[in-house]
Protein backbone atom coordinates (compact mmCIF):
# COMPACT_ATOMS: atom_id res chain seq x y z
CA MET A 1 9.80 6.16 -2.83
CA SER A 2 13.16 7.57 -4.71
CA SER A 3 15.21 4.55 -4.46
CA LEU A 4 15.14 0.81 -5.72
CA THR A 5 14.94 -1.62 -3.14
CA THR A 6 14.21 -5.05 -3.22
CA GLU A 7 12.73 -7.26 -0.77
CA HIS A 8 12.47 -11.01 -1.08
CA VAL A 9 9.63 -12.66 0.90
CA GLY A 10 10.30 -16.54 0.88
CA LEU A 11 8.37 -19.26 -0.02
CA ALA A 12 9.02 -23.02 0.23
CA SER A 13 8.26 -23.52 -3.58
CA LEU A 14 8.18 -21.48 -6.57
CA HIS A 15 4.83 -23.25 -7.13
CA GLU A 16 2.96 -22.09 -4.00
CA PRO A 17 0.65 -19.92 -4.17
CA VAL A 18 0.98 -16.13 -2.67
CA ARG A 19 -1.37 -15.12 -0.04
CA ILE A 20 -1.57 -11.31 -0.11
CA LEU A 21 -3.84 -9.21 2.25
CA GLN A 22 -4.51 -5.74 0.50
CA ILE A 23 -5.79 -2.95 2.90
CA THR A 24 -6.06 0.44 1.44
CA ASP A 25 -7.90 3.69 2.41
CA PRO A 26 -8.03 3.67 6.12
CA HIS A 27 -7.93 7.55 6.26
CA LEU A 28 -6.52 7.69 9.97
CA PHE A 29 -6.61 10.83 11.79
CA GLU A 30 -4.00 12.05 14.41
CA ARG A 31 -7.04 11.80 16.99
CA ALA A 32 -8.34 8.37 17.01
CA GLU A 33 -11.73 9.64 17.66
CA ASP A 34 -12.12 11.84 14.71
CA CYS A 35 -14.45 11.26 11.63
CA LEU A 36 -14.75 11.13 8.08
CA LEU A 37 -18.11 11.96 6.39
CA GLY A 38 -19.55 10.79 9.47
CA VAL A 39 -17.41 7.72 10.00
CA ASN A 40 -14.88 6.64 12.87
CA THR A 41 -11.91 5.71 10.78
CA GLN A 42 -10.01 4.18 13.52
CA GLN A 43 -12.67 2.15 14.42
CA THR A 44 -13.55 0.88 11.03
CA PHE A 45 -10.00 0.31 10.45
CA VAL A 46 -9.70 -1.94 13.65
CA GLU A 47 -12.96 -4.19 12.49
CA VAL A 48 -11.50 -4.50 9.08
CA VAL A 49 -8.27 -5.91 10.45
CA GLU A 50 -10.28 -7.93 13.02
CA GLN A 51 -12.44 -9.23 10.29
CA ALA A 52 -9.52 -10.41 8.11
CA LEU A 53 -7.69 -11.92 11.26
CA ALA A 54 -11.07 -14.06 11.75
CA LEU A 55 -10.63 -15.60 8.43
CA ASP A 56 -8.91 -18.93 7.95
CA PHE A 57 -6.30 -17.07 5.99
CA ALA A 58 -2.57 -16.70 6.92
CA PRO A 59 -1.03 -13.99 4.51
CA ASP A 60 2.27 -14.39 3.26
CA LEU A 61 2.36 -10.58 3.03
CA VAL A 62 0.39 -7.59 3.64
CA LEU A 63 0.09 -4.55 0.98
CA VAL A 64 -1.50 -1.21 2.43
CA THR A 65 -1.97 0.65 -0.66
CA GLY A 66 -2.23 4.30 0.67
CA ASP A 67 -4.30 6.92 2.02
CA ILE A 68 -3.10 5.61 5.66
CA ALA A 69 -3.81 8.91 6.79
CA GLN A 70 -6.21 11.52 6.27
CA SER A 71 -4.26 14.13 8.45
CA PRO A 72 -0.81 12.86 8.17
CA SER A 73 0.98 12.63 11.45
CA ALA A 74 3.47 9.91 12.85
CA VAL A 75 0.84 8.63 15.00
CA CYS A 76 -1.42 7.84 12.19
CA TYR A 77 1.31 5.76 10.73
CA GLN A 78 2.19 4.20 14.39
CA ARG A 79 -1.36 2.93 14.65
CA CYS A 80 -1.40 1.52 11.43
CA HIS A 81 1.81 -0.23 12.16
CA ALA A 82 0.14 -1.97 15.30
CA GLN A 83 -2.87 -2.94 13.45
CA ILE A 84 -1.00 -4.73 10.54
CA SER A 85 1.75 -6.02 12.57
CA ARG A 86 -0.93 -8.32 14.41
CA PHE A 87 -0.75 -10.34 10.84
CA ASN A 88 2.59 -11.66 11.76
CA ALA A 89 3.68 -11.39 7.97
CA PRO A 90 6.06 -8.60 6.20
CA GLN A 91 4.07 -5.22 5.42
CA PHE A 92 4.64 -3.19 2.41
CA TRP A 93 3.16 0.68 2.33
CA LEU A 94 2.17 2.58 -0.79
CA GLN A 95 1.93 6.39 -0.46
CA GLY A 96 -1.74 7.56 -1.05
CA ASN A 97 -2.72 10.90 -2.01
CA HIS A 98 -3.09 12.11 1.77
CA ASP A 99 -0.09 10.52 2.73
CA LEU A 100 2.87 13.31 2.60
CA ASN A 101 6.40 12.30 1.44
CA GLN A 102 8.11 13.99 4.40
CA LEU A 103 6.54 11.77 7.00
CA PHE A 104 5.51 8.79 4.95
CA GLU A 105 9.46 8.40 3.97
CA SER A 106 10.73 9.18 7.58
CA ALA A 107 13.28 6.63 8.82
CA GLN A 108 10.48 5.51 11.33
CA PHE A 109 8.20 4.18 8.50
CA ARG A 110 10.87 3.56 5.73
CA ALA A 111 10.96 -0.20 6.43
CA HIS A 112 7.60 -0.51 5.11
CA ALA A 113 7.55 2.08 2.37
CA GLY A 114 10.86 1.97 0.86
CA HIS A 115 10.26 -1.16 -1.42
CA ARG A 116 9.92 -0.88 -4.79
CA VAL A 117 10.00 -4.83 -6.04
CA ILE A 118 8.74 -7.39 -3.52
CA ALA A 119 10.04 -10.93 -4.99
CA CYS A 120 7.61 -13.57 -3.47
CA GLY A 121 8.05 -16.84 -4.97
CA ALA A 122 7.23 -17.00 -8.80
CA TRP A 123 5.92 -13.56 -8.54
CA ALA A 124 7.23 -9.95 -8.48
CA ILE A 125 5.22 -7.23 -7.07
CA LEU A 126 5.78 -3.67 -8.69
CA MET A 127 5.00 -0.97 -6.12
CA LEU A 128 4.26 2.51 -8.47
CA ASP A 129 3.85 5.87 -6.50
CA SER A 130 1.06 7.29 -8.51
CA SER A 131 0.51 10.16 -5.21
CA VAL A 132 1.31 13.71 -5.85
CA ASP A 133 1.44 15.62 -2.77
CA HIS A 134 -1.55 17.93 -2.04
CA GLU A 135 -3.40 16.65 -5.19
CA VAL A 136 -6.41 14.10 -4.94
CA ALA A 137 -6.11 12.42 -8.37
CA GLY A 138 -3.28 10.46 -9.17
CA CYS A 139 -0.33 10.75 -11.80
CA PHE A 140 2.85 9.09 -12.89
CA SER A 141 5.98 11.10 -13.67
CA GLU A 142 8.05 10.06 -16.91
CA ALA A 143 10.59 8.41 -14.44
CA GLU A 144 7.97 6.13 -12.73
CA LEU A 145 6.95 5.13 -16.22
CA ASP A 146 10.40 4.43 -17.36
CA TRP A 147 11.12 2.28 -14.23
CA LEU A 148 7.68 0.53 -14.61
CA ALA A 149 8.78 -0.47 -18.58
CA ARG A 150 12.70 -1.46 -17.33
CA GLN A 151 11.12 -3.43 -14.61
CA LEU A 152 8.62 -5.40 -16.68
CA ARG A 153 11.53 -6.21 -19.26
CA LEU A 154 13.47 -7.33 -15.92
CA GLN A 155 10.83 -9.42 -14.28
CA GLN A 156 9.85 -11.64 -17.60
CA ASP A 157 10.67 -14.89 -15.91
CA ARG A 158 8.02 -14.32 -13.02
CA HIS A 159 4.54 -13.51 -12.81
CA VAL A 160 3.99 -9.81 -12.11
CA LEU A 161 1.49 -7.64 -10.11
CA VAL A 162 1.43 -3.93 -10.24
CA ALA A 163 0.18 -2.26 -6.95
CA LEU A 164 -0.88 1.47 -6.95
CA HIS A 165 -2.79 3.76 -4.97
CA HIS A 166 -5.06 5.16 -7.51
CA HIS A 167 -7.37 3.45 -9.95
CA PRO A 168 -6.38 3.30 -13.35
CA LEU A 169 -9.84 2.45 -14.68
CA PRO A 170 -13.20 3.81 -14.07
CA VAL A 171 -15.17 1.94 -11.61
CA GLY A 172 -18.57 3.36 -12.32
CA SER A 173 -18.70 5.41 -9.15
CA HIS A 174 -18.61 9.22 -10.00
CA TRP A 175 -17.15 10.23 -6.65
CA LEU A 176 -14.25 7.84 -7.24
CA ASP A 177 -13.78 8.07 -10.76
CA GLN A 178 -12.93 11.87 -10.29
CA HIS A 179 -9.92 10.73 -8.38
CA MET A 180 -8.70 8.07 -10.53
CA LEU A 181 -4.88 7.96 -12.16
């Protein structure tokens, strides 16, 4: 995510709560029938979306926080977009370690992936890129950290939510914690 783009998601009032649905790590394959560790990721992704749609919850926006694709291809992102569009809410994507820059930031998907700041009511959502192409663990460049510091100063009049793909603190799972930021 190279350029600074701000998206404004309108709410009727600054005092309204912001309803965010976060979906992460669908790990979709080019072939919908392929599995990861014995799990059909396409089927699981659709089931997660179906469960979220069944809730009495209309999100103001949907954050998709990385690893959309297990094997990056345009068809993975097309299927993600088709499912997330069912929420009838703006969607914003973050790149994960399995999502490669050249596909993820292509013109076809830039509308979802190019935003760095999302202004929504009294909130600013800062989208950080912790991915490193062809690496599992996450990392921030100096430029990314400088950008974050500048944004935190600029957003002093708002609540701030920082979104990223890799978890910054251990969660107590050996398998996951070896892949953290």
